[in-house]
Structures are given as C-alpha cells and as structure tokens.
Amino acid sequence: MKFSFLIIFVNVFFINSLLLGQDESDWKLIKSCDNDIKAYVKKMPESKINRVKIETVIEASLSELVALLKDAENHHNWVFLNERSEIIDEESNFKWRYYGYTKTPWPVSDRDFYTDVWLNQNETDYSVTLTSHAIPDLFPVTKDCIRIPYIYSIWTLNPIGNGSVHILFELEVDVGGSIPTWLTNMAVTKGPVNTINGLIEELNTNKYKNFKLDYIKEM
C-alpha cells in the first residue's frame, strides 16, 4: 500500500535535465508512450538515487515554453500533485528562487522545497536551459511537512525547426523522510512522464499562445 502512495508522490517532481558529458549508453529506456514521450533511467556512481530523463518533441515557441515553465503560480494546473508554488525572489530574467509545496495522499507526508533556478540561452543554436538545485536550509521547515533535501534538474529546450522544440528533462531527487532509496528508484519515472503530459495539455489550452518574451530569441 505504501508503494502505491509512493508512486503517486514521486509524480510531482518534474522540476528540471542534467547533461554532464556521460556516455549515453548508460541510459536505459524504460518507457515509450504513444505520444512520443520516452523515459530513461541511469544509475549514478556518486549516488544511490537513479537519475531520470524524459524527452519528447512538441509544437511551440521557446517563449511559450519558458513562459509556461516560469509561471510558478500556475504549476498546480499541470505539475502532478503540486498544490502551490511561487517565485519568491527574482534577481533577473535569468535567475530566481522558487518554492513548491506538494500535497500528498495519506499516509505519505507532504513535501516542500526551495530551489535556485538559472536560465541560459545558447547564442549558436538558440537552445534554452533552466537549471535548478535545492537550497533546503533557506527557511525553516513547516510543521507536518518534510523538506526535500536534494534536487538537481535541467530542462533543455532545443528548437529543431518548423515550429517544433525538442524537450529534454533530467531529474535527480532525494525526497527525504523514511522512504527507502530502492523504493524511490522503483517509482521515480512515472511522475516526470505524467508532468510532461500535463505540460503538453496546458500548452494546448492556448493560454501561452503567441506569448513573446523579449529576453528569449527564437530560431
């Protein structure tokens, strides 16, 4: 029973893809969906927690995608189990701090987390990356909530022409608390897939249609 709740809980952690020059053969394809979403996992030598990678191609502009990803107060509409989130400090268009709260079904305790987020755009291929890592000690832990101690993630948005963008999302997260690492690794891929599906559905509402950010260059 606890495992079923863990699968639901891990779904929320969509946040962000990490490329460190490692051999692509280390990735193991574990899920390929009908809508061209593919999920991979990799065992990390320096960690007991597996890294997950999700990729797909969607029709959207870079500005539309960045606007959606940065619209923290709307994340509850598409990030699975996200109850609330906000940007708590925006240093610039390219750096901010983010807070997220996850409402989980009993008996799993709610989680929350703070992250630093950096946005960069490559001047050559116009690809955009949003990199996040946890800052668990930024503020005291809320009662009846477990602070996520470790998150490292990157979204990579790579324009490929004809109005399409290749999305690559990598995530490594330690959810904290008493959930065993092996159990987390068994469940960790389902959540990001559900969140990518939510992202696509949210884009299809046209809420961000023709959105233009002056600090994002289109190919």
Protein backbone atom coordinates (compact mmCIF):
# COMPACT_ATOMS: atom_id res chain seq x y z
CA MET A 1 0.00 0.00 0.00
CA LYS A 2 2.83 2.36 0.86
CA PHE A 3 4.44 1.67 -2.52
CA SER A 4 1.28 2.75 -4.36
CA PHE A 5 1.27 6.04 -2.46
CA LEU A 6 4.98 6.48 -3.22
CA ILE A 7 4.32 6.16 -6.96
CA ILE A 8 1.73 8.93 -6.70
CA PHE A 9 4.02 11.08 -4.60
CA VAL A 10 7.07 10.87 -6.88
CA ASN A 11 4.93 12.04 -9.81
CA VAL A 12 5.25 15.64 -8.67
CA PHE A 13 8.96 16.01 -9.21
CA PHE A 14 9.09 17.30 -12.65
CA ILE A 15 11.36 20.05 -11.92
CA ASN A 16 14.12 20.42 -14.48
CA SER A 17 17.54 17.93 -17.26
CA LEU A 18 21.23 17.40 -16.44
CA LEU A 19 23.96 16.72 -19.03
CA LEU A 20 27.43 16.07 -17.60
CA GLY A 21 29.12 14.53 -20.63
CA GLN A 22 28.41 10.96 -19.58
CA ASP A 23 28.05 8.07 -22.00
CA GLU A 24 24.55 8.00 -23.47
CA SER A 25 24.70 4.19 -23.42
CA ASP A 26 24.38 4.39 -19.63
CA TRP A 27 20.75 5.39 -20.07
CA LYS A 28 18.17 2.60 -20.03
CA LEU A 29 14.91 3.14 -21.89
CA ILE A 30 12.09 2.02 -19.59
CA LYS A 31 9.01 3.62 -21.12
CA SER A 32 7.94 4.73 -24.59
CA CYS A 33 4.50 6.31 -24.82
CA ASP A 34 2.19 6.54 -27.83
CA ASN A 35 2.60 10.34 -27.87
CA ASP A 36 6.38 10.01 -28.42
CA ILE A 37 7.36 10.62 -24.79
CA LYS A 38 10.33 8.45 -23.83
CA ALA A 39 11.62 7.85 -20.30
CA TYR A 40 15.10 6.67 -19.33
CA VAL A 41 16.95 5.99 -16.09
CA LYS A 42 20.62 5.96 -15.23
CA LYS A 43 22.42 4.63 -12.16
CA MET A 44 24.66 7.32 -10.73
CA PRO A 45 28.07 6.25 -9.38
CA GLU A 46 28.15 9.01 -6.75
CA SER A 47 24.58 8.49 -5.55
CA LYS A 48 22.16 5.71 -4.61
CA ILE A 49 19.36 7.59 -6.37
CA ASN A 50 18.76 7.00 -10.07
CA ARG A 51 18.60 9.90 -12.49
CA VAL A 52 15.60 10.04 -14.82
CA LYS A 53 15.49 11.55 -18.30
CA ILE A 54 12.35 12.34 -20.29
CA GLU A 55 12.30 13.50 -23.90
CA THR A 56 9.68 14.46 -26.44
CA VAL A 57 9.02 16.90 -29.30
CA ILE A 58 6.18 19.44 -29.23
CA GLU A 59 4.95 22.30 -31.39
CA ALA A 60 5.58 25.55 -29.51
CA SER A 61 7.86 28.55 -29.48
CA LEU A 62 10.67 28.94 -26.96
CA SER A 63 8.91 31.95 -25.42
CA GLU A 64 5.71 29.97 -24.94
CA LEU A 65 7.58 27.17 -23.17
CA VAL A 66 9.66 29.46 -20.97
CA ALA A 67 6.56 31.46 -20.04
CA LEU A 68 4.78 28.27 -19.01
CA LEU A 69 7.73 26.90 -17.03
CA LYS A 70 8.29 30.21 -15.27
CA ASP A 71 4.62 30.78 -14.41
CA ALA A 72 5.01 29.28 -10.93
CA GLU A 73 1.56 30.21 -9.65
CA ASN A 74 0.02 28.14 -12.46
CA HIS A 75 2.05 24.99 -11.82
CA HIS A 76 -0.78 23.44 -9.80
CA ASN A 77 -2.69 23.10 -13.09
CA TRP A 78 -0.18 20.76 -14.71
CA VAL A 79 2.54 19.63 -12.27
CA PHE A 80 1.16 16.48 -10.70
CA LEU A 81 0.25 16.89 -7.00
CA ASN A 82 1.60 20.43 -6.87
CA GLU A 83 -0.67 22.34 -4.51
CA ARG A 84 1.06 25.70 -4.67
CA SER A 85 4.28 27.29 -5.85
CA GLU A 86 5.74 30.73 -6.33
CA ILE A 87 8.82 32.67 -7.32
CA ILE A 88 9.95 34.14 -4.03
CA ASP A 89 12.86 36.23 -5.30
CA GLU A 90 13.62 37.22 -8.90
CA GLU A 91 17.10 38.64 -9.27
CA SER A 92 16.69 38.96 -13.05
CA ASN A 93 15.01 37.28 -16.02
CA PHE A 94 17.81 34.72 -15.79
CA LYS A 95 17.92 33.90 -12.07
CA TRP A 96 15.24 33.40 -9.44
CA ARG A 97 14.29 31.40 -6.37
CA TYR A 98 11.34 29.03 -6.41
CA TYR A 99 9.18 27.46 -3.72
CA GLY A 100 6.98 24.41 -4.26
CA TYR A 101 4.57 22.56 -1.98
CA THR A 102 3.35 19.03 -2.69
CA LYS A 103 0.10 17.79 -1.17
CA THR A 104 0.42 14.00 -0.95
CA PRO A 105 -2.20 11.36 -0.11
CA TRP A 106 -2.12 9.80 3.34
CA PRO A 107 0.00 8.15 4.71
CA VAL A 108 2.84 9.91 2.84
CA SER A 109 3.79 13.24 4.44
CA ASP A 110 3.57 16.44 2.38
CA ARG A 111 6.83 17.74 0.94
CA ASP A 112 8.12 21.18 0.10
CA PHE A 113 11.31 22.55 -1.42
CA TYR A 114 13.22 25.68 -2.33
CA THR A 115 15.44 25.88 -5.40
CA ASP A 116 17.73 28.32 -7.13
CA VAL A 117 16.92 28.48 -10.85
CA TRP A 118 19.12 29.74 -13.69
CA LEU A 119 18.01 30.33 -17.28
CA ASN A 120 20.52 30.39 -20.14
CA GLN A 121 20.24 30.56 -23.92
CA ASN A 122 22.90 29.35 -26.34
CA GLU A 123 23.73 32.05 -28.88
CA THR A 124 24.59 29.49 -31.57
CA ASP A 125 21.71 27.01 -31.62
CA TYR A 126 19.23 29.09 -29.55
CA SER A 127 18.66 26.21 -27.12
CA VAL A 128 17.40 27.24 -23.69
CA THR A 129 18.25 25.56 -20.39
CA LEU A 130 16.63 26.03 -17.00
CA THR A 131 18.82 24.59 -14.26
CA SER A 132 17.67 24.11 -10.67
CA HIS A 133 19.18 22.86 -7.44
CA ALA A 134 17.75 22.65 -3.95
CA ILE A 135 18.53 25.09 -1.13
CA PRO A 136 16.92 23.12 1.73
CA ASP A 137 18.09 25.37 4.57
CA LEU A 138 16.84 28.65 3.11
CA PHE A 139 13.86 28.80 5.52
CA PRO A 140 12.70 26.69 8.49
CA VAL A 141 10.70 23.55 7.77
CA THR A 142 6.91 23.86 8.05
CA LYS A 143 5.15 21.70 10.64
CA ASP A 144 3.82 18.38 9.30
CA CYS A 145 5.86 18.80 6.10
CA ILE A 146 9.16 17.20 5.05
CA ARG A 147 11.72 19.38 3.29
CA ILE A 148 13.21 17.91 0.09
CA PRO A 149 16.96 17.79 0.83
CA TYR A 150 18.28 17.35 -2.71
CA ILE A 151 17.09 18.26 -6.19
CA TYR A 152 19.17 18.75 -9.30
CA SER A 153 17.42 19.18 -12.62
CA ILE A 154 17.64 20.79 -16.04
CA TRP A 155 15.10 21.47 -18.74
CA THR A 156 16.71 21.73 -22.20
CA LEU A 157 14.54 23.28 -24.92
CA ASN A 158 16.11 22.76 -28.32
CA PRO A 159 14.38 24.32 -31.37
CA ILE A 160 14.50 21.96 -34.36
CA GLY A 161 12.64 23.98 -36.98
CA ASN A 162 9.10 24.03 -38.37
CA GLY A 163 7.80 25.44 -35.08
CA SER A 164 8.88 22.39 -33.07
CA VAL A 165 11.02 22.08 -29.95
CA HIS A 166 12.79 19.01 -28.63
CA ILE A 167 12.34 18.87 -24.84
CA LEU A 168 14.86 17.07 -22.68
CA PHE A 169 14.29 16.91 -18.95
CA GLU A 170 16.63 15.27 -16.44
CA LEU A 171 15.99 14.96 -12.74
CA GLU A 172 17.72 13.58 -9.70
CA VAL A 173 15.86 14.00 -6.41
CA ASP A 174 16.06 12.72 -2.85
CA VAL A 175 12.53 13.05 -1.48
CA GLY A 176 13.73 12.80 2.13
CA GLY A 177 11.93 11.22 5.05
CA SER A 178 11.84 7.49 5.75
CA ILE A 179 11.08 6.25 2.22
CA PRO A 180 13.82 3.74 1.24
CA THR A 181 16.04 4.67 -1.70
CA TRP A 182 15.34 1.41 -3.54
CA LEU A 183 11.61 2.09 -3.34
CA THR A 184 12.07 5.61 -4.66
CA ASN A 185 14.10 4.26 -7.59
CA MET A 186 11.29 1.82 -8.45
CA ALA A 187 8.76 4.66 -8.70
CA VAL A 188 10.73 7.67 -9.88
CA THR A 189 9.99 7.60 -13.62
CA LYS A 190 6.19 7.73 -13.60
CA GLY A 191 5.98 11.22 -12.11
CA PRO A 192 8.03 13.12 -14.69
CA VAL A 193 6.12 11.39 -17.52
CA ASN A 194 2.81 12.50 -16.02
CA THR A 195 4.11 16.03 -15.62
CA ILE A 196 5.31 16.21 -19.24
CA ASN A 197 1.84 15.08 -20.28
CA GLY A 198 0.43 17.85 -18.10
CA LEU A 199 2.73 20.39 -19.75
CA ILE A 200 1.50 19.37 -23.20
CA GLU A 201 -2.14 19.61 -22.11
CA GLU A 202 -1.55 23.03 -20.58
CA LEU A 203 0.05 24.28 -23.81
CA ASN A 204 -2.99 23.01 -25.71
CA THR A 205 -5.23 25.36 -23.72
CA ASN A 206 -3.56 28.19 -25.73
CA LYS A 207 -3.03 30.17 -22.52
CA TYR A 208 0.51 30.93 -23.68
CA LYS A 209 -0.23 31.04 -27.42
CA ASN A 210 1.86 33.67 -29.27
CA PHE A 211 3.48 34.70 -25.98
CA LYS A 212 6.69 36.63 -26.59
CA LEU A 213 9.50 37.23 -24.08
CA ASP A 214 11.90 39.95 -25.11
CA TYR A 215 14.86 38.16 -23.48
CA ILE A 216 14.31 34.91 -25.44
CA LYS A 217 15.48 34.69 -29.06
CA GLU A 218 13.65 32.40 -31.46
CA MET A 219 15.45 30.37 -34.11
